[in-house]
């Protein structure tokens, strides 16, 4: 089985050949469609159905029960990029008429504002500072506010209004991205070492945040993935996930 997982600032995209999970829930909104058009079995909030696409709101318990197929899943962590289910329906229509290519995927994500988003220049400066930081734990709201010439409270309000998620949540997401990037670049390393380097206290701390955001453990996410991609680390190989 070959899966592709892509991490972006405001969403996660997965293309998989299997869709079978235990009941779980996560903070992200989830949209899953069958790229081959074949209905799959899913249970959402205790209601089972056979569908070719499904939208699952944040913190809704769900379970997938399909062994084989071709699926696209988008996890959207920010309400700011969630336009409407009508927009998602337009995706389905587009994918029904042409194959999914990296270029088409980027175009579709752009329609949801996930690429090339423009922010207030003050927020852009803080985003750059976060992404370039060697140690994410060393970043404070006061330090970032100083880059914007705003008070800490006004900066935090501006950041959430522009980005769509609170500052602390965005930093945690960057830690998760950094940890997965390290796991794919250096799969032989111990999970604890990777977690600490990414800014978590230990492996359990990292795993808890991953489960909270994705509803799965780090090993569940990486299992069977041949390519794990990050927009700062394209085509990171993961031939031997552990």
Protein backbone atom coordinates (compact mmCIF):
# COMPACT_ATOMS: atom_id res chain seq x y z
CA UNK A 1 0.00 0.00 0.00
CA UNK A 2 1.27 3.47 -0.84
CA UNK A 3 -0.02 6.53 0.97
CA UNK A 4 0.91 10.17 0.51
CA UNK A 5 0.58 12.60 3.40
CA UNK A 6 1.18 16.32 3.02
CA UNK A 7 1.42 18.82 5.88
CA UNK A 8 0.70 22.49 5.27
CA UNK A 9 0.34 25.45 7.60
CA UNK A 10 -3.42 25.17 7.82
CA UNK A 11 -4.34 21.69 6.66
CA UNK A 12 -3.23 18.09 6.23
CA UNK A 13 -3.86 16.23 2.98
CA UNK A 14 -3.73 12.43 2.75
CA UNK A 15 -4.16 10.19 -0.29
CA UNK A 16 -4.61 6.60 0.83
CA UNK A 17 -5.53 3.16 -0.48
CA UNK A 18 -7.19 2.05 2.75
CA UNK A 19 -9.77 3.71 4.99
CA UNK A 20 -10.22 1.58 8.09
CA UNK A 21 -10.03 3.08 11.59
CA UNK A 22 -11.28 2.55 15.11
CA UNK A 23 -13.84 5.07 16.41
CA UNK A 24 -12.05 8.36 17.06
CA UNK A 25 -12.44 12.13 16.94
CA UNK A 26 -10.12 15.10 16.48
CA UNK A 27 -10.05 18.88 16.51
CA UNK A 28 -9.76 19.26 12.75
CA UNK A 29 -12.69 19.38 10.37
CA UNK A 30 -12.38 16.42 7.99
CA UNK A 31 -13.47 15.98 4.40
CA UNK A 32 -12.96 12.59 2.73
CA UNK A 33 -13.91 11.57 -0.80
CA UNK A 34 -13.49 8.39 -2.83
CA UNK A 35 -11.32 9.33 -5.80
CA UNK A 36 -12.58 6.28 -7.69
CA UNK A 37 -16.19 7.28 -7.04
CA UNK A 38 -16.97 4.05 -5.18
CA UNK A 39 -19.02 4.42 -1.97
CA UNK A 40 -17.24 3.62 1.28
CA UNK A 41 -18.62 2.71 4.69
CA UNK A 42 -18.40 5.30 7.45
CA UNK A 43 -20.05 5.78 10.82
CA UNK A 44 -20.45 9.37 12.02
CA UNK A 45 -21.90 10.14 15.46
CA UNK A 46 -23.27 6.60 15.63
CA UNK A 47 -24.96 6.69 12.21
CA UNK A 48 -23.58 4.31 9.57
CA UNK A 49 -23.82 5.04 5.85
CA UNK A 50 -22.37 4.23 2.44
CA UNK A 51 -21.14 7.42 0.77
CA UNK A 52 -18.69 8.62 -1.87
CA UNK A 53 -17.79 11.70 0.20
CA UNK A 54 -18.27 12.84 3.78
CA UNK A 55 -17.72 16.01 5.78
CA UNK A 56 -17.05 15.45 9.49
CA UNK A 57 -17.13 18.49 11.80
CA UNK A 58 -14.54 19.01 14.51
CA UNK A 59 -14.77 16.73 17.58
CA UNK A 60 -17.35 14.40 15.99
CA UNK A 61 -16.74 10.71 16.70
CA UNK A 62 -16.41 8.70 13.50
CA UNK A 63 -15.10 5.42 12.11
CA UNK A 64 -14.16 4.27 8.60
CA UNK A 65 -14.66 0.63 7.64
CA UNK A 66 -13.30 0.23 4.11
CA UNK A 67 -10.29 -1.95 3.33
CA UNK A 68 -9.51 -0.93 -0.25
CA UNK A 69 -10.06 2.01 -2.56
CA UNK A 70 -8.51 5.36 -3.45
CA UNK A 71 -9.26 8.17 -1.02
CA UNK A 72 -8.49 11.85 -0.54
CA UNK A 73 -8.77 13.24 2.99
CA UNK A 74 -8.31 16.87 3.98
CA UNK A 75 -8.05 17.83 7.65
CA UNK A 76 -8.68 21.54 8.11
CA UNK A 77 -7.56 22.96 11.43
CA UNK A 78 -8.65 26.54 10.89
CA UNK A 79 -12.18 27.88 10.59
CA UNK A 80 -10.67 30.70 8.55
CA UNK A 81 -9.99 28.34 5.63
CA UNK A 82 -13.26 26.44 5.84
CA UNK A 83 -15.44 28.24 3.33
CA UNK A 84 -18.48 26.00 2.87
CA UNK A 85 -19.60 22.53 1.98
CA UNK A 86 -20.71 23.95 -1.37
CA UNK A 87 -17.05 24.68 -2.09
CA UNK A 88 -16.17 21.11 -1.19
CA UNK A 89 -18.91 19.87 -3.51
CA UNK A 90 -17.28 21.84 -6.31
CA UNK A 91 -14.08 19.91 -5.60
CA UNK A 92 -15.90 16.63 -6.11
CA UNK A 93 -17.24 17.83 -9.45
CA UNK A 94 -13.75 18.86 -10.56
CA UNK A 95 -12.17 15.57 -9.50
CA UNK A 96 -14.89 13.62 -11.30
CA UNK A 97 -13.85 15.25 -14.56
CA UNK A 98 -10.05 15.00 -14.36
CA UNK A 99 -7.38 13.01 -12.50
CA UNK A 100 -5.83 14.40 -9.34
CA UNK A 101 -2.37 15.81 -10.03
CA UNK A 102 -0.12 17.78 -7.64
CA UNK A 103 -0.94 20.92 -9.62
CA UNK A 104 -4.69 20.31 -9.44
CA UNK A 105 -4.48 19.54 -5.72
CA UNK A 106 -2.70 22.85 -5.12
CA UNK A 107 -5.35 24.68 -7.14
CA UNK A 108 -8.14 23.06 -5.13
CA UNK A 109 -6.46 23.86 -1.83
CA UNK A 110 -5.94 27.43 -3.01
CA UNK A 111 -9.70 27.73 -3.42
CA UNK A 112 -10.01 27.12 0.31
CA UNK A 113 -7.34 29.73 1.04
CA UNK A 114 -4.75 27.17 2.12
CA UNK A 115 -2.04 28.38 -0.23
CA UNK A 116 -0.80 31.88 -0.99
CA UNK A 117 -2.83 33.36 1.83
CA UNK A 118 -2.05 37.02 2.40
CA UNK A 119 -1.94 38.31 5.95
CA UNK A 120 -1.41 41.61 7.66
CA UNK A 121 2.32 42.39 7.25
CA UNK A 122 2.72 42.38 11.03
CA UNK A 123 1.35 38.85 11.20
CA UNK A 124 3.55 37.82 8.27
CA UNK A 125 6.60 38.88 10.30
CA UNK A 126 5.55 36.77 13.26
CA UNK A 127 4.79 33.74 11.06
CA UNK A 128 8.26 33.98 9.54
CA UNK A 129 9.79 34.21 13.02
CA UNK A 130 7.93 31.09 14.15
CA UNK A 131 8.87 29.06 11.08
CA UNK A 132 12.53 30.06 11.30
CA UNK A 133 12.91 29.51 15.05
CA UNK A 134 15.43 26.87 16.10
CA UNK A 135 13.57 26.21 19.35
CA UNK A 136 9.81 26.69 19.22
CA UNK A 137 9.59 26.48 23.02
CA UNK A 138 11.59 29.71 23.26
CA UNK A 139 8.94 31.72 21.41
CA UNK A 140 6.66 33.85 23.56
CA UNK A 141 3.64 35.97 22.73
CA UNK A 142 5.42 39.00 24.17
CA UNK A 143 8.43 38.42 21.91
CA UNK A 144 6.23 38.16 18.82
CA UNK A 145 4.10 41.13 19.84
CA UNK A 146 7.27 43.22 19.94
CA UNK A 147 7.70 42.53 16.22
CA UNK A 148 4.32 44.11 15.53
CA UNK A 149 4.50 47.19 17.79
CA UNK A 150 1.26 46.03 19.42
CA UNK A 151 0.45 45.13 22.98
CA UNK A 152 0.45 41.40 23.68
CA UNK A 153 -3.34 41.23 23.96
CA UNK A 154 -3.92 43.19 20.74
CA UNK A 155 -1.35 41.06 18.92
CA UNK A 156 -3.01 37.81 20.05
CA UNK A 157 -6.38 39.12 18.85
CA UNK A 158 -4.91 40.14 15.48
CA UNK A 159 -3.12 36.81 15.05
CA UNK A 160 -6.27 34.75 15.62
CA UNK A 161 -8.34 37.03 13.39
CA UNK A 162 -5.83 36.76 10.55
CA UNK A 163 -4.66 33.15 10.84
CA UNK A 164 -7.87 31.59 12.12
CA UNK A 165 -6.35 29.78 15.11
CA UNK A 166 -4.87 31.02 18.40
CA UNK A 167 -1.11 31.56 18.54
CA UNK A 168 -0.48 28.69 20.96
CA UNK A 169 -2.37 26.25 18.75
CA UNK A 170 -0.44 27.38 15.68
CA UNK A 171 2.89 26.87 17.45
CA UNK A 172 1.84 23.37 18.56
CA UNK A 173 0.98 22.58 14.94
CA UNK A 174 4.45 23.73 13.87
CA UNK A 175 5.95 21.41 16.49
CA UNK A 176 3.93 18.50 15.11
CA UNK A 177 5.08 19.29 11.58
CA UNK A 178 8.68 19.53 12.72
CA UNK A 179 8.48 16.20 14.55
CA UNK A 180 7.02 14.37 11.56
CA UNK A 181 9.61 15.94 9.29
CA UNK A 182 12.38 14.64 11.56
CA UNK A 183 10.77 11.19 11.70
CA UNK A 184 10.78 10.93 7.92
CA UNK A 185 14.27 12.36 7.46
CA UNK A 186 15.76 10.22 10.26
CA UNK A 187 13.46 7.19 10.74
CA UNK A 188 16.08 5.35 12.80
CA UNK A 189 15.92 7.91 15.62
CA UNK A 190 14.01 7.25 18.82
CA UNK A 191 10.61 8.90 19.04
CA UNK A 192 11.53 10.52 22.36
CA UNK A 193 14.58 12.23 20.86
CA UNK A 194 12.56 13.51 17.91
CA UNK A 195 9.74 14.75 20.14
CA UNK A 196 12.11 16.68 22.40
CA UNK A 197 13.96 18.23 19.46
CA UNK A 198 10.64 19.35 17.98
CA UNK A 199 9.72 21.10 21.22
CA UNK A 200 7.65 18.54 23.14
CA UNK A 201 8.45 17.36 26.67
CA UNK A 202 8.67 13.71 25.63
CA UNK A 203 7.22 11.11 23.24
CA UNK A 204 3.98 10.83 25.22
CA UNK A 205 3.47 14.61 25.06
CA UNK A 206 3.95 14.51 21.27
CA UNK A 207 1.66 11.49 20.85
CA UNK A 208 -1.08 13.13 22.91
CA UNK A 209 -1.09 16.22 20.70
CA UNK A 210 -1.05 14.11 17.54
CA UNK A 211 -4.00 12.06 18.76
CA UNK A 212 -5.85 15.24 19.75
CA UNK A 213 -5.37 16.74 16.28
CA UNK A 214 -5.67 13.62 14.11
CA UNK A 215 -7.44 11.05 16.27
CA UNK A 216 -4.56 8.63 15.60
CA UNK A 217 -1.12 7.86 17.02
CA UNK A 218 2.07 8.92 15.19
CA UNK A 219 2.74 5.30 14.20
CA UNK A 220 -0.81 4.93 12.85
CA UNK A 221 -0.30 7.98 10.64
CA UNK A 222 3.10 6.89 9.34
CA UNK A 223 2.22 3.22 8.92
CA UNK A 224 2.43 2.29 5.25
CA UNK A 225 3.25 5.82 4.07
CA UNK A 226 5.80 5.79 1.28
CA UNK A 227 5.94 9.58 1.02
CA UNK A 228 5.42 12.04 3.82
CA UNK A 229 5.54 15.60 2.53
CA UNK A 230 5.73 18.97 4.19
CA UNK A 231 5.67 22.23 2.26
CA UNK A 232 9.06 22.86 3.83
CA UNK A 233 10.28 19.32 3.10
CA UNK A 234 9.04 17.99 -0.22
CA UNK A 235 9.28 14.27 -1.03
CA UNK A 236 10.71 13.19 2.32
CA UNK A 237 11.06 9.43 2.02
CA UNK A 238 9.61 7.15 4.67
CA UNK A 239 10.30 3.69 3.36
CA UNK A 240 10.72 2.11 6.79
CA UNK A 241 8.28 3.71 9.23
CA UNK A 242 8.46 2.64 12.84
